[in-house]
C-alpha atoms as a PDB file:
ATOM      1  CA  MET A   1    -116.670  76.793-165.378  1.00  0.00           C
ATOM      2  CA  ARG A   2    -115.985  73.598-167.631  1.00  0.00           C
ATOM      3  CA  ILE A   3    -113.667  70.846-165.912  1.00  0.00           C
ATOM      4  CA  LEU A   4    -113.037  67.338-167.183  1.00  0.00           C
ATOM      5  CA  THR A   5    -113.331  64.630-164.998  1.00  0.00           C
ATOM      6  CA  ILE A   6    -111.752  60.738-165.969  1.00  0.00           C
ATOM      7  CA  ASP A   7    -112.116  58.037-163.878  1.00  0.00           C
ATOM      8  CA  ILE A   8    -109.884  55.324-165.436  1.00  0.00           C
ATOM      9  CA  GLY A   9    -110.506  51.820-164.573  1.00  0.00           C
ATOM     10  CA  THR A  10    -109.747  48.397-165.432  1.00  0.00           C
ATOM     11  CA  GLY A  11    -112.753  47.827-168.343  1.00  0.00           C
ATOM     12  CA  THR A  12    -113.126  51.315-169.521  1.00  0.00           C
ATOM     13  CA  GLN A  13    -112.595  54.887-168.049  1.00  0.00           C
ATOM     14  CA  ASP A  14    -115.529  57.471-168.230  1.00  0.00           C
ATOM     15  CA  ILE A  15    -115.368  60.574-168.856  1.00  0.00           C
ATOM     16  CA  LEU A  16    -117.657  63.731-167.733  1.00  0.00           C
ATOM     17  CA  LEU A  17    -117.012  67.525-169.504  1.00  0.00           C
ATOM     18  CA  PHE A  18    -118.567  69.206-166.435  1.00  0.00           C
ATOM     19  CA  ASP A  19    -119.618  72.886-167.196  1.00  0.00           C
ATOM     20  CA  SER A  20    -121.291  74.859-164.435  1.00  0.00           C
ATOM     21  CA  ASP A  21    -123.707  76.560-166.955  1.00  0.00           C
ATOM     22  CA  GLY A  22    -125.904  73.561-167.080  1.00  0.00           C
ATOM     23  CA  PRO A  23    -126.949  70.436-165.075  1.00  0.00           C
ATOM     24  CA  VAL A  24    -124.126  68.282-164.924  1.00  0.00           C
ATOM     25  CA  GLU A  25    -126.688  65.300-166.400  1.00  0.00           C
ATOM     26  CA  ASN A  26    -126.572  67.167-169.893  1.00  0.00           C
ATOM     27  CA  GLY A  27    -122.266  67.409-169.652  1.00  0.00           C
ATOM     28  CA  ALA A  28    -120.857  65.483-172.364  1.00  0.00           C
ATOM     29  CA  GLN A  29    -120.228  62.057-171.415  1.00  0.00           C
ATOM     30  CA  LEU A  30    -117.994  58.970-173.134  1.00  0.00           C
ATOM     31  CA  VAL A  31    -117.586  55.620-172.016  1.00  0.00           C
ATOM     32  CA  MET A  32    -114.390  53.894-173.513  1.00  0.00           C
ATOM     33  CA  PRO A  33    -112.426  51.429-173.253  1.00  0.00           C
ATOM     34  CA  ALA A  34    -109.553  51.666-170.384  1.00  0.00           C
ATOM     35  CA  PRO A  35    -106.380  52.427-171.545  1.00  0.00           C
ATOM     36  CA  THR A  36    -104.799  48.728-169.953  1.00  0.00           C
ATOM     37  CA  GLN A  37    -107.334  47.306-172.794  1.00  0.00           C
ATOM     38  CA  ILE A  38    -106.590  49.028-175.269  1.00  0.00           C
ATOM     39  CA  VAL A  39    -102.898  48.280-175.294  1.00  0.00           C
ATOM     40  CA  ALA A  40    -104.341  44.713-174.594  1.00  0.00           C
ATOM     41  CA  ARG A  41    -105.416  45.094-177.981  1.00  0.00           C
ATOM     42  CA  ALA A  42    -102.175  46.185-179.372  1.00  0.00           C
ATOM     43  CA  VAL A  43    -100.224  43.542-177.510  1.00  0.00           C
ATOM     44  CA  ARG A  44    -102.700  40.923-178.676  1.00  0.00           C
ATOM     45  CA  ALA A  45    -102.807  41.921-182.269  1.00  0.00           C
ATOM     46  CA  ALA A  46     -98.888  41.707-182.331  1.00  0.00           C
ATOM     47  CA  THR A  47     -98.439  38.656-181.056  1.00  0.00           C
ATOM     48  CA  ALA A  48    -101.085  36.923-183.537  1.00  0.00           C
ATOM     49  CA  GLU A  49     -98.795  38.514-186.551  1.00  0.00           C
ATOM     50  CA  ARG A  50     -95.790  37.124-184.413  1.00  0.00           C
ATOM     51  CA  ALA A  51     -94.231  40.278-183.808  1.00  0.00           C
ATOM     52  CA  PRO A  52     -91.833  41.429-181.347  1.00  0.00           C
ATOM     53  CA  ILE A  53     -93.335  44.864-179.261  1.00  0.00           C
ATOM     54  CA  ALA A  54     -91.357  47.395-177.433  1.00  0.00           C
ATOM     55  CA  LEU A  55     -93.544  49.179-174.692  1.00  0.00           C
ATOM     56  CA  ASP A  56     -92.766  53.160-173.762  1.00  0.00           C
ATOM     57  CA  GLY A  57     -94.397  55.601-171.825  1.00  0.00           C
ATOM     58  CA  VAL A  58     -95.217  55.593-168.119  1.00  0.00           C
ATOM     59  CA  ILE A  59     -96.388  53.517-165.206  1.00  0.00           C
ATOM     60  CA  MET A  60    -100.301  52.699-165.722  1.00  0.00           C
ATOM     61  CA  GLY A  61    -102.934  50.810-164.577  1.00  0.00           C
ATOM     62  CA  GLY A  62    -102.398  46.472-165.393  1.00  0.00           C
ATOM     63  CA  GLY A  63    -104.658  43.592-165.403  1.00  0.00           C
ATOM     64  CA  PRO A  64    -105.319  43.426-168.928  1.00  0.00           C
ATOM     65  CA  CYS A  65    -102.420  44.494-170.643  1.00  0.00           C
ATOM     66  CA  HIS A  66     -99.642  42.434-167.649  1.00  0.00           C
ATOM     67  CA  TRP A  67    -102.139  39.478-169.110  1.00  0.00           C
ATOM     68  CA  ALA A  68    -101.244  40.116-173.095  1.00  0.00           C
ATOM     69  CA  VAL A  69     -97.598  40.859-172.382  1.00  0.00           C
ATOM     70  CA  GLU A  70     -97.067  37.860-170.413  1.00  0.00           C
ATOM     71  CA  ASP A  71     -99.046  35.571-173.216  1.00  0.00           C
ATOM     72  CA  HIS A  72     -96.813  37.795-176.041  1.00  0.00           C
ATOM     73  CA  LEU A  73     -93.708  36.218-173.785  1.00  0.00           C
ATOM     74  CA  ARG A  74     -95.579  32.332-173.805  1.00  0.00           C
ATOM     75  CA  ALA A  75     -95.825  32.587-177.798  1.00  0.00           C
ATOM     76  CA  GLY A  76     -91.825  32.961-177.187  1.00  0.00           C
ATOM     77  CA  LEU A  77     -92.012  36.068-178.375  1.00  0.00           C
ATOM     78  CA  PRO A  78     -89.272  38.863-177.158  1.00  0.00           C
ATOM     79  CA  VAL A  79     -90.670  41.819-175.156  1.00  0.00           C
ATOM     80  CA  TYR A  80     -88.586  45.226-174.573  1.00  0.00           C
ATOM     81  CA  ALA A  81     -89.342  47.862-172.420  1.00  0.00           C
ATOM     82  CA  THR A  82     -88.330  51.063-170.355  1.00  0.00           C
ATOM     83  CA  ALA A  83     -87.915  51.214-167.305  1.00  0.00           C
ATOM     84  CA  GLY A  84     -91.560  53.577-167.001  1.00  0.00           C
ATOM     85  CA  ALA A  85     -93.565  51.064-169.333  1.00  0.00           C
ATOM     86  CA  ALA A  86     -91.764  47.974-167.278  1.00  0.00           C
ATOM     87  CA  ALA A  87     -93.133  49.580-163.905  1.00  0.00           C
ATOM     88  CA  THR A  88     -96.964  48.935-165.328  1.00  0.00           C
ATOM     89  CA  PHE A  89     -95.984  44.812-164.336  1.00  0.00           C
ATOM     90  CA  ASN A  90     -93.921  45.429-160.859  1.00  0.00           C
ATOM     91  CA  ASP A  91     -92.698  48.138-159.217  1.00  0.00           C
ATOM     92  CA  ASP A  92     -89.507  45.934-158.486  1.00  0.00           C
ATOM     93  CA  LEU A  93     -88.085  46.095-162.060  1.00  0.00           C
ATOM     94  CA  GLU A  94     -85.566  43.249-161.260  1.00  0.00           C
ATOM     95  CA  TRP A  95     -88.531  40.816-161.248  1.00  0.00           C
ATOM     96  CA  VAL A  96     -89.795  41.907-164.320  1.00  0.00           C
ATOM     97  CA  ALA A  97     -86.395  40.900-166.333  1.00  0.00           C
ATOM     98  CA  ARG A  98     -85.521  37.881-163.984  1.00  0.00           C
ATOM     99  CA  GLU A  99     -89.609  36.421-163.140  1.00  0.00           C
ATOM    100  CA  MET A 100     -91.502  37.462-166.671  1.00  0.00           C
ATOM    101  CA  GLY A 101     -88.265  37.647-168.953  1.00  0.00           C
ATOM    102  CA  VAL A 102     -89.185  41.193-170.515  1.00  0.00           C
ATOM    103  CA  ARG A 103     -85.798  43.198-171.283  1.00  0.00           C
ATOM    104  CA  LEU A 104     -85.400  46.610-170.253  1.00  0.00           C
ATOM    105  CA  LEU A 105     -83.627  49.248-172.457  1.00  0.00           C
ATOM    106  CA  SER A 106     -83.040  52.779-171.925  1.00  0.00           C
ATOM    107  CA  ASP A 107     -85.099  55.180-174.293  1.00  0.00           C
ATOM    108  CA  ASP A 108     -82.126  55.423-176.748  1.00  0.00           C
ATOM    109  CA  GLU A 109     -82.038  51.928-177.499  1.00  0.00           C
ATOM    110  CA  LEU A 110     -85.735  51.114-177.516  1.00  0.00           C
ATOM    111  CA  ALA A 111     -85.397  53.738-180.039  1.00  0.00           C
ATOM    112  CA  ALA A 112     -82.743  52.338-181.833  1.00  0.00           C
ATOM    113  CA  LEU A 113     -84.916  48.597-182.648  1.00  0.00           C
ATOM    114  CA  GLY A 114     -85.628  47.299-185.882  1.00  0.00           C
ATOM    115  CA  GLY A 115     -88.715  48.454-187.801  1.00  0.00           C
ATOM    116  CA  GLU A 116     -90.311  45.017-187.848  1.00  0.00           C
ATOM    117  CA  VAL A 117     -90.887  45.269-183.539  1.00  0.00           C
ATOM    118  CA  ARG A 118     -94.101  46.870-182.770  1.00  0.00           C
ATOM    119  CA  ARG A 119     -93.980  50.249-180.899  1.00  0.00           C
ATOM    120  CA  ILE A 120     -96.387  49.844-178.296  1.00  0.00           C
ATOM    121  CA  ARG A 121     -96.759  53.600-175.907  1.00  0.00           C
ATOM    122  CA  MET A 122     -98.204  52.637-172.164  1.00  0.00           C
ATOM    123  CA  ALA A 123    -100.304  55.325-170.488  1.00  0.00           C
ATOM    124  CA  ASP A 124    -103.192  56.314-168.507  1.00  0.00           C
ATOM    125  CA  LEU A 125    -104.413  59.741-170.066  1.00  0.00           C
ATOM    126  CA  ASP A 126    -104.503  60.168-174.133  1.00  0.00           C
ATOM    127  CA  LEU A 127    -105.840  63.694-173.596  1.00  0.00           C
ATOM    128  CA  ASN A 128    -105.554  63.912-177.383  1.00  0.00           C
ATOM    129  CA  ALA A 129    -108.144  60.795-177.873  1.00  0.00           C
ATOM    130  CA  ILE A 130    -110.651  62.158-175.979  1.00  0.00           C
ATOM    131  CA  ASN A 131    -110.320  65.793-177.064  1.00  0.00           C
ATOM    132  CA  THR A 132    -110.373  64.721-180.470  1.00  0.00           C
ATOM    133  CA  ALA A 133    -113.749  62.807-179.436  1.00  0.00           C
ATOM    134  CA  LEU A 134    -115.198  65.235-178.438  1.00  0.00           C
ATOM    135  CA  ALA A 135    -114.274  68.024-181.097  1.00  0.00           C
ATOM    136  CA  ALA A 136    -115.800  64.680-183.184  1.00  0.00           C
ATOM    137  CA  PHE A 137    -119.468  65.326-181.841  1.00  0.00           C
ATOM    138  CA  GLY A 138    -118.905  69.749-182.028  1.00  0.00           C
ATOM    139  CA  VAL A 139    -117.994  70.263-177.831  1.00  0.00           C
ATOM    140  CA  ALA A 140    -115.164  72.151-177.887  1.00  0.00           C
ATOM    141  CA  PRO A 141    -112.572  70.541-176.169  1.00  0.00           C
ATOM    142  CA  ASP A 142    -111.314  73.710-173.711  1.00  0.00           C
ATOM    143  CA  TYR A 143    -111.608  73.398-169.924  1.00  0.00           C
ATOM    144  CA  ASP A 144    -110.752  74.948-166.990  1.00  0.00           C
ATOM    145  CA  GLY A 145    -108.977  72.608-164.704  1.00  0.00           C
ATOM    146  CA  ILE A 146    -108.593  68.687-165.114  1.00  0.00           C
ATOM    147  CA  ALA A 147    -110.034  65.990-162.115  1.00  0.00           C
ATOM    148  CA  VAL A 148    -108.587  62.349-163.049  1.00  0.00           C
ATOM    149  CA  ALA A 149    -108.754  58.913-160.230  1.00  0.00           C
ATOM    150  CA  VAL A 150    -107.440  55.852-160.500  1.00  0.00           C
ATOM    151  CA  PHE A 151    -106.562  52.760-158.325  1.00  0.00           C
ATOM    152  CA  ASP A 152    -103.229  52.393-157.319  1.00  0.00           C
ATOM    153  CA  HIS A 153    -102.261  50.158-155.564  1.00  0.00           C
ATOM    154  CA  GLY A 154     -99.272  52.659-154.829  1.00  0.00           C
ATOM    155  CA  ASN A 155     -95.123  51.172-154.466  1.00  0.00           C
ATOM    156  CA  ALA A 156     -94.984  48.854-151.480  1.00  0.00           C
ATOM    157  CA  PRO A 157     -91.706  47.623-150.178  1.00  0.00           C
ATOM    158  CA  PRO A 158     -90.574  44.450-151.445  1.00  0.00           C
ATOM    159  CA  ASP A 159     -91.362  42.423-148.037  1.00  0.00           C
ATOM    160  CA  ILE A 160     -94.966  44.246-147.947  1.00  0.00           C
ATOM    161  CA  SER A 161     -97.848  43.248-150.378  1.00  0.00           C
ATOM    162  CA  ASP A 162     -99.674  45.353-151.843  1.00  0.00           C
ATOM    163  CA  ARG A 163    -102.684  44.906-150.291  1.00  0.00           C
ATOM    164  CA  VAL A 164    -101.168  45.840-146.865  1.00  0.00           C
ATOM    165  CA  PHE A 165     -99.402  48.902-147.605  1.00  0.00           C
ATOM    166  CA  ARG A 166    -102.890  49.661-149.230  1.00  0.00           C
ATOM    167  CA  PHE A 167    -104.816  49.421-146.419  1.00  0.00           C
ATOM    168  CA  ASP A 168    -101.813  51.217-144.109  1.00  0.00           C
ATOM    169  CA  TYR A 169    -101.883  53.619-146.525  1.00  0.00           C
ATOM    170  CA  LEU A 170    -105.516  54.280-145.773  1.00  0.00           C
ATOM    171  CA  ALA A 171    -105.145  54.188-142.894  1.00  0.00           C
ATOM    172  CA  GLU A 172    -102.344  57.357-142.699  1.00  0.00           C
ATOM    173  CA  ARG A 173    -104.552  59.150-144.420  1.00  0.00           C
ATOM    174  CA  PHE A 174    -107.513  58.938-143.142  1.00  0.00           C
ATOM    175  CA  SER A 175    -105.513  60.163-139.775  1.00  0.00           C
ATOM    176  CA  THR A 176    -105.703  63.058-141.248  1.00  0.00           C
ATOM    177  CA  GLY A 177    -109.147  64.055-139.919  1.00  0.00           C
ATOM    178  CA  ARG A 178    -109.966  64.856-143.547  1.00  0.00           C
ATOM    179  CA  GLY A 179    -111.942  62.038-144.339  1.00  0.00           C
ATOM    180  CA  LEU A 180    -112.326  60.864-147.879  1.00  0.00           C
ATOM    181  CA  LEU A 181    -110.789  64.368-149.052  1.00  0.00           C
ATOM    182  CA  ALA A 182    -107.244  62.904-147.709  1.00  0.00           C
ATOM    183  CA  LEU A 183    -106.956  60.911-150.710  1.00  0.00           C
ATOM    184  CA  GLY A 184    -107.355  63.645-153.558  1.00  0.00           C
ATOM    185  CA  PHE A 185    -104.385  66.029-154.334  1.00  0.00           C
ATOM    186  CA  PRO A 186    -103.129  68.386-156.301  1.00  0.00           C
ATOM    187  CA  ARG A 187    -100.989  67.363-159.281  1.00  0.00           C
ATOM    188  CA  ALA A 188     -98.450  68.551-156.935  1.00  0.00           C
ATOM    189  CA  ASP A 189     -99.083  67.596-153.695  1.00  0.00           C
ATOM    190  CA  VAL A 190     -99.760  63.410-154.504  1.00  0.00           C
ATOM    191  CA  PRO A 191     -97.378  60.999-152.760  1.00  0.00           C
ATOM    192  CA  GLU A 192     -94.299  59.384-154.389  1.00  0.00           C
ATOM    193  CA  SER A 193     -95.545  56.422-153.555  1.00  0.00           C
ATOM    194  CA  MET A 194     -98.511  56.662-155.171  1.00  0.00           C
ATOM    195  CA  THR A 195     -96.642  56.051-158.966  1.00  0.00           C
ATOM    196  CA  ARG A 196     -99.699  55.521-160.852  1.00  0.00           C
ATOM    197  CA  LEU A 197    -101.209  58.657-159.290  1.00  0.00           C
ATOM    198  CA  ARG A 198     -98.016  60.771-160.272  1.00  0.00           C
ATOM    199  CA  ALA A 199     -97.538  58.775-163.952  1.00  0.00           C
ATOM    200  CA  VAL A 200    -101.132  60.588-164.859  1.00  0.00           C
ATOM    201  CA  ALA A 201     -99.865  64.241-163.005  1.00  0.00           C
ATOM    202  CA  ASP A 202     -96.938  64.160-165.186  1.00  0.00           C
ATOM    203  CA  SER A 203     -98.893  63.287-168.162  1.00  0.00           C
ATOM    204  CA  ILE A 204    -101.188  66.256-167.713  1.00  0.00           C
ATOM    205  CA  PRO A 205     -99.851  69.565-169.590  1.00  0.00           C
ATOM    206  CA  ALA A 206     -98.256  72.445-167.262  1.00  0.00           C
ATOM    207  CA  GLY A 207    -100.586  75.480-166.690  1.00  0.00           C
ATOM    208  CA  LEU A 208    -103.750  73.472-166.832  1.00  0.00           C
ATOM    209  CA  SER A 209    -105.280  73.317-162.601  1.00  0.00           C
ATOM    210  CA  ALA A 210    -105.582  69.278-162.238  1.00  0.00           C
ATOM    211  CA  VAL A 211    -106.505  67.222-158.838  1.00  0.00           C
ATOM    212  CA  LEU A 212    -106.194  63.165-158.792  1.00  0.00           C
ATOM    213  CA  MET A 213    -107.785  60.762-156.462  1.00  0.00           C
ATOM    214  CA  ASP A 214    -108.064  57.040-155.647  1.00  0.00           C
ATOM    215  CA  THR A 215    -111.545  55.692-158.116  1.00  0.00           C
ATOM    216  CA  ALA A 216    -113.313  53.974-155.106  1.00  0.00           C
ATOM    217  CA  PRO A 217    -113.251  57.268-152.329  1.00  0.00           C
ATOM    218  CA  ALA A 218    -113.744  59.975-155.362  1.00  0.00           C
ATOM    219  CA  ALA A 219    -117.005  57.555-156.372  1.00  0.00           C
ATOM    220  CA  VAL A 220    -118.443  57.491-152.588  1.00  0.00           C
ATOM    221  CA  LEU A 221    -118.155  61.585-152.364  1.00  0.00           C
ATOM    222  CA  GLY A 222    -119.890  61.610-155.354  1.00  0.00           C
ATOM    223  CA  ALA A 223    -122.253  59.276-154.493  1.00  0.00           C
ATOM    224  CA  LEU A 224    -123.195  61.825-151.342  1.00  0.00           C
ATOM    225  CA  ASP A 225    -124.062  64.385-153.863  1.00  0.00           C
ATOM    226  CA  ASP A 226    -127.183  62.879-153.803  1.00  0.00           C
ATOM    227  CA  PRO A 227    -129.695  64.144-151.963  1.00  0.00           C
ATOM    228  CA  ARG A 228    -131.429  61.340-150.743  1.00  0.00           C
ATOM    229  CA  VAL A 229    -127.434  60.147-150.327  1.00  0.00           C
ATOM    230  CA  ALA A 230    -126.535  63.177-148.098  1.00  0.00           C
ATOM    231  CA  GLU A 231    -129.262  62.977-145.776  1.00  0.00           C
ATOM    232  CA  GLN A 232    -129.175  59.446-144.264  1.00  0.00           C
ATOM    233  CA  PRO A 233    -126.930  59.487-141.333  1.00  0.00           C
ATOM    234  CA  ASP A 234    -125.377  56.009-141.428  1.00  0.00           C
ATOM    235  CA  LEU A 235    -124.520  54.736-144.881  1.00  0.00           C
ATOM    236  CA  LEU A 236    -122.937  51.922-146.213  1.00  0.00           C
ATOM    237  CA  VAL A 237    -121.024  52.984-149.822  1.00  0.00           C
ATOM    238  CA  ALA A 238    -119.572  50.868-152.529  1.00  0.00           C
ATOM    239  CA  ASN A 239    -117.186  51.664-155.561  1.00  0.00           C
ATOM    240  CA  VAL A 240    -118.165  48.137-157.289  1.00  0.00           C
ATOM    241  CA  GLY A 241    -115.566  48.307-160.110  1.00  0.00           C
ATOM    242  CA  ASN A 242    -114.994  45.328-162.947  1.00  0.00           C
ATOM    243  CA  PHE A 243    -111.266  44.111-160.792  1.00  0.00           C
ATOM    244  CA  HIS A 244    -112.190  45.756-157.339  1.00  0.00           C
ATOM    245  CA  CYS A 245    -114.345  46.757-155.284  1.00  0.00           C
ATOM    246  CA  LEU A 246    -114.300  49.101-151.976  1.00  0.00           C
ATOM    247  CA  ALA A 247    -117.006  49.714-149.423  1.00  0.00           C
ATOM    248  CA  PHE A 248    -116.964  52.638-146.983  1.00  0.00           C
ATOM    249  CA  HIS A 249    -118.926  52.610-143.559  1.00  0.00           C
ATOM    250  CA  LEU A 250    -120.031  56.256-143.092  1.00  0.00           C
ATOM    251  CA  VAL A 251    -121.470  57.929-139.688  1.00  0.00           C
ATOM    252  CA  ASP A 252    -122.923  61.304-139.613  1.00  0.00           C
ATOM    253  CA  GLY A 253    -121.161  62.058-142.604  1.00  0.00           C
END
């Protein structure tokens, strides 16, 4: 069995093609710039050339791409976006338009913009790029399923902060008694409130088995596969990323 696994962070996206026919250490691995970094570079290139930008696609990880768009607007250059792309900056689209100055357009309106507008696609998952990279090194981009991890704050109500909403969500998931596994989902079961996870799920081709999970619990579960770690009855395991850190105290597994 071959499974394409992808951890999409803020600095990098880490890719492993797991093959059950060999040791995991020998699986093809790629460490590439995170999608938000790729989008940020495209935005900054447009800013340098004084070109308007049009963002389409779906909600994705923010941070660098958000900051690049803000800098573009501060430079006095227009930013057009569809609702799906604009949700990257805030789930409240009225806030995106009012506070940031992004001009929200329908897909048809965006398509009708002039040729001087630089078009940038927003998405966390680019399977075409990954498949092309694998094939370039003689690795067949054939797999039986895909597993993707992202950090999703969720779509918090206007009166609740992202941080509070996230920890309430973690508490609700852990109340199921399934431990860290409660934060992983087949594509059809991703909660509607987890809008970034849902966007990734919808980006995966139909017919391909897919599992999606929050990044930090996925990393902790991976650490527990180390036999020297798993044999310890009392553990503190931390996932330390470029912009986020989440730790779990685990007792008796």
